[in-house]
Amino acid sequence: MRELIVPSRFRGPQSSGNGGWTAGALAALVDHDVPADHAARWPTVAVSLRQPPPLDTPMPVTDDEGATVASLDGAVVASAEIRDEVPVAVAPVPAEEARAAMASYPGLGQHPFPTCFGCGTEREEGDGLRIFPGPVEGEGNTRVAATWTPHPSLFEDWHTYHDDHPRASLPVAWAALDCVAGWAGDLSDRMMVLARITARVHTLPVIGEEHVVVGEARGAEGRKTWTAATLYDADGRAIAVAEHLWVTVDPAAFR
């Protein structure tokens, strides 16, 4: 039987999994063929998060009517489905501009989840990703950006390529596409959690190379916020793209 386990290292809120890492780990369990266009090793996968993913807890994974489902005690925690559409990329930001934007990261002053694996300010180098996106100039001012250099601790043997470049895992690539979009949707003003992420990873990020992560706000209505994110490699190529749905929540539920 397949299982999904979210180790405590990969938490978002203090007591539950980072949405991007959890979604990527489930996406890695989806049976698929290599995309026909050979533009990616993995298809586009949409993952819906139905409840906070528990930490260090085995969740049985089953296939149900075209979906790959992780459940606990009979309740669905997350479900993943292959999609035909590829998320629309966010326009790139030069590395030097992304680097400068990090000084204006709102989470440096106040952070709803300071121990988050993706963007937490209380995570040490080599433990969390420490992706600290700040606003960048542009029409509508809807984008945020940060640089990110994957740490050697993120390397996993089963994801190696045949090009002598050690790379981070697929779940880590999804995690890098998560929080940056939340900050684009203004996490400092709206307490939100990830409800759905649709991502296509073309190439895994190389350990030790500087990447640029860009997030963009794409609309809000009531409790819902829509965003997108793109991960660019050291050569400026878009290696992973994602679109998201966030919902506002009661902060007391995630203390």
C-alpha atoms as a PDB file:
ATOM      1  CA  MET A   1       0.000   0.000   0.000  1.00  0.00           C
ATOM      2  CA  ARG A   2       1.254   3.482  -0.874  1.00  0.00           C
ATOM      3  CA  GLU A   3       1.480   6.028   1.938  1.00  0.00           C
ATOM      4  CA  LEU A   4       1.977   9.760   2.163  1.00  0.00           C
ATOM      5  CA  ILE A   5       3.954  10.993   5.180  1.00  0.00           C
ATOM      6  CA  VAL A   6       4.775  14.642   5.816  1.00  0.00           C
ATOM      7  CA  PRO A   7       7.853  14.800   8.086  1.00  0.00           C
ATOM      8  CA  SER A   8       7.769  17.625  10.620  1.00  0.00           C
ATOM      9  CA  ARG A   9      10.626  19.372   8.791  1.00  0.00           C
ATOM     10  CA  PHE A  10       8.164  20.127   6.004  1.00  0.00           C
ATOM     11  CA  ARG A  11       5.557  21.879   8.125  1.00  0.00           C
ATOM     12  CA  GLY A  12       3.794  25.075   7.112  1.00  0.00           C
ATOM     13  CA  PRO A  13       1.765  26.052  10.171  1.00  0.00           C
ATOM     14  CA  GLN A  14       3.333  24.711  13.361  1.00  0.00           C
ATOM     15  CA  SER A  15       1.231  21.523  13.446  1.00  0.00           C
ATOM     16  CA  SER A  16       0.485  20.739   9.782  1.00  0.00           C
ATOM     17  CA  GLY A  17       2.269  20.241   6.489  1.00  0.00           C
ATOM     18  CA  ASN A  18       3.434  22.906   4.082  1.00  0.00           C
ATOM     19  CA  GLY A  19       0.795  22.880   1.359  1.00  0.00           C
ATOM     20  CA  GLY A  20       3.229  22.949  -1.562  1.00  0.00           C
ATOM     21  CA  TRP A  21       5.491  20.192  -0.213  1.00  0.00           C
ATOM     22  CA  THR A  22       2.499  18.007   0.667  1.00  0.00           C
ATOM     23  CA  ALA A  23       0.938  18.519  -2.755  1.00  0.00           C
ATOM     24  CA  GLY A  24       4.217  17.745  -4.507  1.00  0.00           C
ATOM     25  CA  ALA A  25       4.726  14.584  -2.468  1.00  0.00           C
ATOM     26  CA  LEU A  26       1.255  13.392  -3.467  1.00  0.00           C
ATOM     27  CA  ALA A  27       1.833  14.407  -7.096  1.00  0.00           C
ATOM     28  CA  ALA A  28       4.947  12.218  -7.087  1.00  0.00           C
ATOM     29  CA  LEU A  29       2.697   9.213  -6.361  1.00  0.00           C
ATOM     30  CA  VAL A  30       0.408   9.821  -9.349  1.00  0.00           C
ATOM     31  CA  ASP A  31       0.813   7.185 -12.062  1.00  0.00           C
ATOM     32  CA  HIS A  32       1.614   8.868 -15.372  1.00  0.00           C
ATOM     33  CA  ASP A  33       3.318   8.600 -18.717  1.00  0.00           C
ATOM     34  CA  VAL A  34       6.105  10.970 -19.751  1.00  0.00           C
ATOM     35  CA  PRO A  35       4.380  13.933 -21.449  1.00  0.00           C
ATOM     36  CA  ALA A  36       4.276  13.515 -25.228  1.00  0.00           C
ATOM     37  CA  ASP A  37       5.954  16.866 -25.878  1.00  0.00           C
ATOM     38  CA  HIS A  38       8.978  15.813 -23.776  1.00  0.00           C
ATOM     39  CA  ALA A  39       8.973  19.319 -22.302  1.00  0.00           C
ATOM     40  CA  ALA A  40       8.710  17.898 -18.792  1.00  0.00           C
ATOM     41  CA  ARG A  41       9.262  14.659 -16.920  1.00  0.00           C
ATOM     42  CA  TRP A  42       5.928  15.040 -15.182  1.00  0.00           C
ATOM     43  CA  PRO A  43       2.451  16.032 -16.311  1.00  0.00           C
ATOM     44  CA  THR A  44       0.477  18.961 -14.974  1.00  0.00           C
ATOM     45  CA  VAL A  45      -1.112  17.866 -11.696  1.00  0.00           C
ATOM     46  CA  ALA A  46      -3.802  19.644  -9.684  1.00  0.00           C
ATOM     47  CA  VAL A  47      -3.836  18.905  -5.957  1.00  0.00           C
ATOM     48  CA  SER A  48      -6.707  19.911  -3.678  1.00  0.00           C
ATOM     49  CA  LEU A  49      -6.043  20.128   0.054  1.00  0.00           C
ATOM     50  CA  ARG A  50      -9.219  19.307   1.978  1.00  0.00           C
ATOM     51  CA  GLN A  51      -7.872  19.619   5.526  1.00  0.00           C
ATOM     52  CA  PRO A  52      -4.549  20.490   7.224  1.00  0.00           C
ATOM     53  CA  PRO A  53      -2.071  17.674   6.418  1.00  0.00           C
ATOM     54  CA  PRO A  54      -0.965  15.991   9.659  1.00  0.00           C
ATOM     55  CA  LEU A  55       2.737  15.673  10.433  1.00  0.00           C
ATOM     56  CA  ASP A  56       4.636  12.384  10.794  1.00  0.00           C
ATOM     57  CA  THR A  57       1.442  10.436  10.203  1.00  0.00           C
ATOM     58  CA  PRO A  58       1.076   7.699   7.546  1.00  0.00           C
ATOM     59  CA  MET A  59      -1.831   8.479   5.228  1.00  0.00           C
ATOM     60  CA  PRO A  60      -2.934   5.625   2.936  1.00  0.00           C
ATOM     61  CA  VAL A  61      -2.944   6.615  -0.752  1.00  0.00           C
ATOM     62  CA  THR A  62      -5.474   5.064  -3.128  1.00  0.00           C
ATOM     63  CA  ASP A  63      -6.740   5.634  -6.664  1.00  0.00           C
ATOM     64  CA  ASP A  64     -10.372   6.662  -6.911  1.00  0.00           C
ATOM     65  CA  GLU A  65     -12.123   7.514 -10.208  1.00  0.00           C
ATOM     66  CA  GLY A  66      -9.065   9.046 -11.830  1.00  0.00           C
ATOM     67  CA  ALA A  67      -7.785  10.758  -8.680  1.00  0.00           C
ATOM     68  CA  THR A  68      -4.929   9.823  -6.361  1.00  0.00           C
ATOM     69  CA  VAL A  69      -6.236  10.320  -2.835  1.00  0.00           C
ATOM     70  CA  ALA A  70      -4.518  10.541   0.560  1.00  0.00           C
ATOM     71  CA  SER A  71      -6.872   9.890   3.468  1.00  0.00           C
ATOM     72  CA  LEU A  72      -6.786   9.553   7.227  1.00  0.00           C
ATOM     73  CA  ASP A  73      -9.445   7.741   9.278  1.00  0.00           C
ATOM     74  CA  GLY A  74     -11.743   7.683   6.270  1.00  0.00           C
ATOM     75  CA  ALA A  75     -11.515  11.437   5.575  1.00  0.00           C
ATOM     76  CA  VAL A  76      -9.795  12.823   2.464  1.00  0.00           C
ATOM     77  CA  VAL A  77      -6.767  14.979   3.274  1.00  0.00           C
ATOM     78  CA  ALA A  78      -5.664  15.675  -0.303  1.00  0.00           C
ATOM     79  CA  SER A  79      -6.469  14.506  -3.817  1.00  0.00           C
ATOM     80  CA  ALA A  80      -4.458  14.819  -7.046  1.00  0.00           C
ATOM     81  CA  GLU A  81      -5.528  14.666 -10.682  1.00  0.00           C
ATOM     82  CA  ILE A  82      -3.668  15.044 -13.982  1.00  0.00           C
ATOM     83  CA  ARG A  83      -4.632  18.092 -16.040  1.00  0.00           C
ATOM     84  CA  ASP A  84      -4.099  18.897 -19.719  1.00  0.00           C
ATOM     85  CA  GLU A  85      -3.643  22.644 -19.287  1.00  0.00           C
ATOM     86  CA  VAL A  86      -0.251  24.062 -18.275  1.00  0.00           C
ATOM     87  CA  PRO A  87      -0.335  26.995 -15.815  1.00  0.00           C
ATOM     88  CA  VAL A  88       0.478  30.375 -17.343  1.00  0.00           C
ATOM     89  CA  ALA A  89       3.945  31.535 -16.283  1.00  0.00           C
ATOM     90  CA  VAL A  90       4.563  34.708 -14.307  1.00  0.00           C
ATOM     91  CA  ALA A  91       6.839  37.178 -16.097  1.00  0.00           C
ATOM     92  CA  PRO A  92      10.484  36.889 -15.031  1.00  0.00           C
ATOM     93  CA  VAL A  93      12.343  39.232 -12.721  1.00  0.00           C
ATOM     94  CA  PRO A  94      16.120  39.750 -12.996  1.00  0.00           C
ATOM     95  CA  ALA A  95      18.082  38.083 -10.211  1.00  0.00           C
ATOM     96  CA  GLU A  96      19.521  41.361  -8.949  1.00  0.00           C
ATOM     97  CA  GLU A  97      16.027  42.874  -8.696  1.00  0.00           C
ATOM     98  CA  ALA A  98      14.695  39.786  -6.911  1.00  0.00           C
ATOM     99  CA  ARG A  99      17.622  39.926  -4.502  1.00  0.00           C
ATOM    100  CA  ALA A 100      16.900  43.557  -3.690  1.00  0.00           C
ATOM    101  CA  ALA A 101      13.172  42.868  -3.229  1.00  0.00           C
ATOM    102  CA  MET A 102      13.889  40.461  -0.380  1.00  0.00           C
ATOM    103  CA  ALA A 103      14.788  43.372   1.892  1.00  0.00           C
ATOM    104  CA  SER A 104      11.113  44.402   1.725  1.00  0.00           C
ATOM    105  CA  TYR A 105       9.737  40.960   2.553  1.00  0.00           C
ATOM    106  CA  PRO A 106       6.646  41.596   4.725  1.00  0.00           C
ATOM    107  CA  GLY A 107       7.314  38.435   6.744  1.00  0.00           C
ATOM    108  CA  LEU A 108      10.419  40.027   8.260  1.00  0.00           C
ATOM    109  CA  GLY A 109       8.139  42.236  10.320  1.00  0.00           C
ATOM    110  CA  GLN A 110       5.140  40.018  10.966  1.00  0.00           C
ATOM    111  CA  HIS A 111       4.668  36.412   9.862  1.00  0.00           C
ATOM    112  CA  PRO A 112       1.576  34.217  10.344  1.00  0.00           C
ATOM    113  CA  PHE A 113       3.659  31.003  10.175  1.00  0.00           C
ATOM    114  CA  PRO A 114       7.263  31.874  11.154  1.00  0.00           C
ATOM    115  CA  THR A 115       8.369  28.216  11.188  1.00  0.00           C
ATOM    116  CA  CYS A 116       7.035  27.477   7.687  1.00  0.00           C
ATOM    117  CA  PHE A 117       9.361  25.289   5.608  1.00  0.00           C
ATOM    118  CA  GLY A 118       8.980  27.538   2.570  1.00  0.00           C
ATOM    119  CA  CYS A 119       9.097  31.102   3.857  1.00  0.00           C
ATOM    120  CA  GLY A 120       9.493  30.974   7.636  1.00  0.00           C
ATOM    121  CA  THR A 121      11.884  33.489   9.152  1.00  0.00           C
ATOM    122  CA  GLU A 122      12.606  31.224  12.126  1.00  0.00           C
ATOM    123  CA  ARG A 123      13.979  28.393   9.985  1.00  0.00           C
ATOM    124  CA  GLU A 124      17.756  28.158   9.779  1.00  0.00           C
ATOM    125  CA  GLU A 125      19.775  27.993   6.572  1.00  0.00           C
ATOM    126  CA  GLY A 126      19.828  24.354   5.433  1.00  0.00           C
ATOM    127  CA  ASP A 127      16.595  23.593   7.276  1.00  0.00           C
ATOM    128  CA  GLY A 128      13.861  25.670   5.617  1.00  0.00           C
ATOM    129  CA  LEU A 129      13.919  27.099   2.099  1.00  0.00           C
ATOM    130  CA  ARG A 130      14.027  30.675   3.421  1.00  0.00           C
ATOM    131  CA  ILE A 131      12.306  32.095   0.337  1.00  0.00           C
ATOM    132  CA  PHE A 132      11.592  35.709   1.362  1.00  0.00           C
ATOM    133  CA  PRO A 133       9.690  37.426  -1.477  1.00  0.00           C
ATOM    134  CA  GLY A 134       9.292  41.177  -1.603  1.00  0.00           C
ATOM    135  CA  PRO A 135       7.352  43.406  -4.012  1.00  0.00           C
ATOM    136  CA  VAL A 136       8.843  44.331  -7.385  1.00  0.00           C
ATOM    137  CA  GLU A 137       8.053  47.344  -9.514  1.00  0.00           C
ATOM    138  CA  GLY A 138       5.653  46.955 -12.414  1.00  0.00           C
ATOM    139  CA  GLU A 139       2.203  47.665 -13.745  1.00  0.00           C
ATOM    140  CA  GLY A 140      -0.364  47.056 -11.033  1.00  0.00           C
ATOM    141  CA  ASN A 141       2.415  46.056  -8.593  1.00  0.00           C
ATOM    142  CA  THR A 142       1.013  42.525  -8.342  1.00  0.00           C
ATOM    143  CA  ARG A 143       4.315  40.605  -8.347  1.00  0.00           C
ATOM    144  CA  VAL A 144       6.747  39.586  -5.631  1.00  0.00           C
ATOM    145  CA  ALA A 145      10.111  37.923  -6.102  1.00  0.00           C
ATOM    146  CA  ALA A 146      13.034  36.341  -4.268  1.00  0.00           C
ATOM    147  CA  THR A 147      16.203  34.448  -5.031  1.00  0.00           C
ATOM    148  CA  TRP A 148      16.671  30.922  -3.732  1.00  0.00           C
ATOM    149  CA  THR A 149      19.679  28.600  -3.758  1.00  0.00           C
ATOM    150  CA  PRO A 150      18.721  24.968  -2.995  1.00  0.00           C
ATOM    151  CA  HIS A 151      20.725  23.572  -0.076  1.00  0.00           C
ATOM    152  CA  PRO A 152      22.559  20.198  -0.305  1.00  0.00           C
ATOM    153  CA  SER A 153      20.202  18.781   2.363  1.00  0.00           C
ATOM    154  CA  LEU A 154      17.406  18.898  -0.243  1.00  0.00           C
ATOM    155  CA  PHE A 155      19.126  16.407  -2.529  1.00  0.00           C
ATOM    156  CA  GLU A 156      17.447  13.024  -3.017  1.00  0.00           C
ATOM    157  CA  ASP A 157      19.107  10.154  -4.886  1.00  0.00           C
ATOM    158  CA  TRP A 158      15.977   8.935  -6.604  1.00  0.00           C
ATOM    159  CA  HIS A 159      15.592  12.274  -8.396  1.00  0.00           C
ATOM    160  CA  THR A 160      19.099  12.422  -9.905  1.00  0.00           C
ATOM    161  CA  TYR A 161      19.507  13.251 -13.576  1.00  0.00           C
ATOM    162  CA  HIS A 162      22.210  11.895 -15.848  1.00  0.00           C
ATOM    163  CA  ASP A 163      23.958  15.249 -16.162  1.00  0.00           C
ATOM    164  CA  ASP A 164      26.089  15.250 -12.994  1.00  0.00           C
ATOM    165  CA  HIS A 165      23.971  18.013 -11.425  1.00  0.00           C
ATOM    166  CA  PRO A 166      22.540  17.147  -7.994  1.00  0.00           C
ATOM    167  CA  ARG A 167      18.960  18.384  -7.791  1.00  0.00           C
ATOM    168  CA  ALA A 168      16.292  18.970  -5.179  1.00  0.00           C
ATOM    169  CA  SER A 169      13.301  16.636  -4.947  1.00  0.00           C
ATOM    170  CA  LEU A 170       9.975  17.059  -6.720  1.00  0.00           C
ATOM    171  CA  PRO A 171       8.107  17.955  -3.472  1.00  0.00           C
ATOM    172  CA  VAL A 172      10.698  20.659  -2.771  1.00  0.00           C
ATOM    173  CA  ALA A 173      10.152  22.131  -6.250  1.00  0.00           C
ATOM    174  CA  TRP A 174       6.418  22.320  -5.488  1.00  0.00           C
ATOM    175  CA  ALA A 175       7.161  23.899  -2.091  1.00  0.00           C
ATOM    176  CA  ALA A 176       9.205  26.612  -3.800  1.00  0.00           C
ATOM    177  CA  LEU A 177       6.113  27.485  -5.852  1.00  0.00           C
ATOM    178  CA  ASP A 178       3.853  27.770  -2.799  1.00  0.00           C
ATOM    179  CA  CYS A 179       4.514  30.590  -0.324  1.00  0.00           C
ATOM    180  CA  VAL A 180       5.793  33.117  -2.858  1.00  0.00           C
ATOM    181  CA  ALA A 181       2.296  33.172  -4.333  1.00  0.00           C
ATOM    182  CA  GLY A 182       0.681  33.540  -0.927  1.00  0.00           C
ATOM    183  CA  TRP A 183       2.703  36.694  -0.304  1.00  0.00           C
ATOM    184  CA  ALA A 184       1.722  37.980  -3.741  1.00  0.00           C
ATOM    185  CA  GLY A 185      -1.885  37.524  -2.586  1.00  0.00           C
ATOM    186  CA  ASP A 186      -1.029  39.564   0.537  1.00  0.00           C
ATOM    187  CA  LEU A 187      -0.639  37.093   3.397  1.00  0.00           C
ATOM    188  CA  SER A 188       0.252  40.023   5.612  1.00  0.00           C
ATOM    189  CA  ASP A 189      -3.299  41.330   5.245  1.00  0.00           C
ATOM    190  CA  ARG A 190      -5.339  38.151   4.636  1.00  0.00           C
ATOM    191  CA  MET A 191      -4.802  35.023   6.748  1.00  0.00           C
ATOM    192  CA  MET A 192      -4.957  32.380   4.000  1.00  0.00           C
ATOM    193  CA  VAL A 193      -4.095  28.730   3.471  1.00  0.00           C
ATOM    194  CA  LEU A 194      -3.576  26.855   0.240  1.00  0.00           C
ATOM    195  CA  ALA A 195      -6.706  25.090  -1.005  1.00  0.00           C
ATOM    196  CA  ARG A 196      -5.536  24.008  -4.466  1.00  0.00           C
ATOM    197  CA  ILE A 197      -2.298  24.120  -6.437  1.00  0.00           C
ATOM    198  CA  THR A 198      -1.892  23.123 -10.080  1.00  0.00           C
ATOM    199  CA  ALA A 199       1.745  22.728 -11.117  1.00  0.00           C
ATOM    200  CA  ARG A 200       3.941  21.555 -13.963  1.00  0.00           C
ATOM    201  CA  VAL A 201       7.605  20.885 -13.190  1.00  0.00           C
ATOM    202  CA  HIS A 202       9.768  20.789 -16.296  1.00  0.00           C
ATOM    203  CA  THR A 203      13.154  20.365 -14.598  1.00  0.00           C
ATOM    204  CA  LEU A 204      14.145  19.951 -10.966  1.00  0.00           C
ATOM    205  CA  PRO A 205      16.138  22.794  -9.369  1.00  0.00           C
ATOM    206  CA  VAL A 206      19.908  22.321  -9.219  1.00  0.00           C
ATOM    207  CA  ILE A 207      21.517  22.210  -5.793  1.00  0.00           C
ATOM    208  CA  GLY A 208      23.821  25.170  -5.159  1.00  0.00           C
ATOM    209  CA  GLU A 209      22.637  27.342  -8.073  1.00  0.00           C
ATOM    210  CA  GLU A 210      20.790  30.602  -7.565  1.00  0.00           C
ATOM    211  CA  HIS A 211      17.189  30.530  -8.798  1.00  0.00           C
ATOM    212  CA  VAL A 212      14.547  33.255  -8.958  1.00  0.00           C
ATOM    213  CA  VAL A 213      11.004  32.632  -7.689  1.00  0.00           C
ATOM    214  CA  VAL A 214       8.267  35.020  -8.818  1.00  0.00           C
ATOM    215  CA  GLY A 215       4.691  35.176  -7.509  1.00  0.00           C
ATOM    216  CA  GLU A 216       1.721  37.097  -8.876  1.00  0.00           C
ATOM    217  CA  ALA A 217      -1.764  37.979  -7.599  1.00  0.00           C
ATOM    218  CA  ARG A 218      -4.495  37.130 -10.115  1.00  0.00           C
ATOM    219  CA  GLY A 219      -7.701  38.117  -8.378  1.00  0.00           C
ATOM    220  CA  ALA A 220      -9.796  37.795  -5.222  1.00  0.00           C
ATOM    221  CA  GLU A 221     -13.453  37.333  -4.418  1.00  0.00           C
ATOM    222  CA  GLY A 222     -14.869  36.863  -0.939  1.00  0.00           C
ATOM    223  CA  ARG A 223     -12.748  34.315   0.909  1.00  0.00           C
ATOM    224  CA  LYS A 224     -10.973  33.193  -2.291  1.00  0.00           C
ATOM    225  CA  THR A 225      -7.697  34.478  -3.745  1.00  0.00           C
ATOM    226  CA  TRP A 226      -6.089  33.323  -7.011  1.00  0.00           C
ATOM    227  CA  THR A 227      -2.338  33.507  -7.595  1.00  0.00           C
ATOM    228  CA  ALA A 228       0.454  32.079  -9.727  1.00  0.00           C
ATOM    229  CA  ALA A 229       4.178  31.389  -9.364  1.00  0.00           C
ATOM    230  CA  THR A 230       7.116  30.508 -11.596  1.00  0.00           C
ATOM    231  CA  LEU A 231      10.557  29.157 -10.728  1.00  0.00           C
ATOM    232  CA  TYR A 232      13.430  30.306 -12.972  1.00  0.00           C
ATOM    233  CA  ASP A 233      16.840  28.644 -13.056  1.00  0.00           C
ATOM    234  CA  ALA A 234      20.272  30.292 -13.145  1.00  0.00           C
ATOM    235  CA  ASP A 235      20.022  30.650 -16.939  1.00  0.00           C
ATOM    236  CA  GLY A 236      16.651  32.399 -16.746  1.00  0.00           C
ATOM    237  CA  ARG A 237      14.612  29.414 -17.944  1.00  0.00           C
ATOM    238  CA  ALA A 238      11.188  28.755 -16.437  1.00  0.00           C
ATOM    239  CA  ILE A 239      11.610  25.281 -14.950  1.00  0.00           C
ATOM    240  CA  ALA A 240       8.343  25.050 -12.967  1.00  0.00           C
ATOM    241  CA  VAL A 241       5.015  26.874 -13.040  1.00  0.00           C
ATOM    242  CA  ALA A 242       1.968  26.848 -10.779  1.00  0.00           C
ATOM    243  CA  GLU A 243      -1.427  28.419 -10.211  1.00  0.00           C
ATOM    244  CA  HIS A 244      -3.196  28.473  -6.853  1.00  0.00           C
ATOM    245  CA  LEU A 245      -6.435  28.937  -5.007  1.00  0.00           C
ATOM    246  CA  TRP A 246      -6.220  30.232  -1.423  1.00  0.00           C
ATOM    247  CA  VAL A 247      -8.989  30.622   1.158  1.00  0.00           C
ATOM    248  CA  THR A 248      -9.040  32.892   4.181  1.00  0.00           C
ATOM    249  CA  VAL A 249      -9.253  31.108   7.526  1.00  0.00           C
ATOM    250  CA  ASP A 250      -9.698  31.825  11.199  1.00  0.00           C
ATOM    251  CA  PRO A 251      -6.174  32.398  12.626  1.00  0.00           C
ATOM    252  CA  ALA A 252      -7.189  30.609  15.829  1.00  0.00           C
ATOM    253  CA  ALA A 253      -7.506  27.334  13.898  1.00  0.00           C
ATOM    254  CA  PHE A 254      -3.779  27.371  13.056  1.00  0.00           C
ATOM    255  CA  ARG A 255      -2.135  28.435  16.291  1.00  0.00           C
END
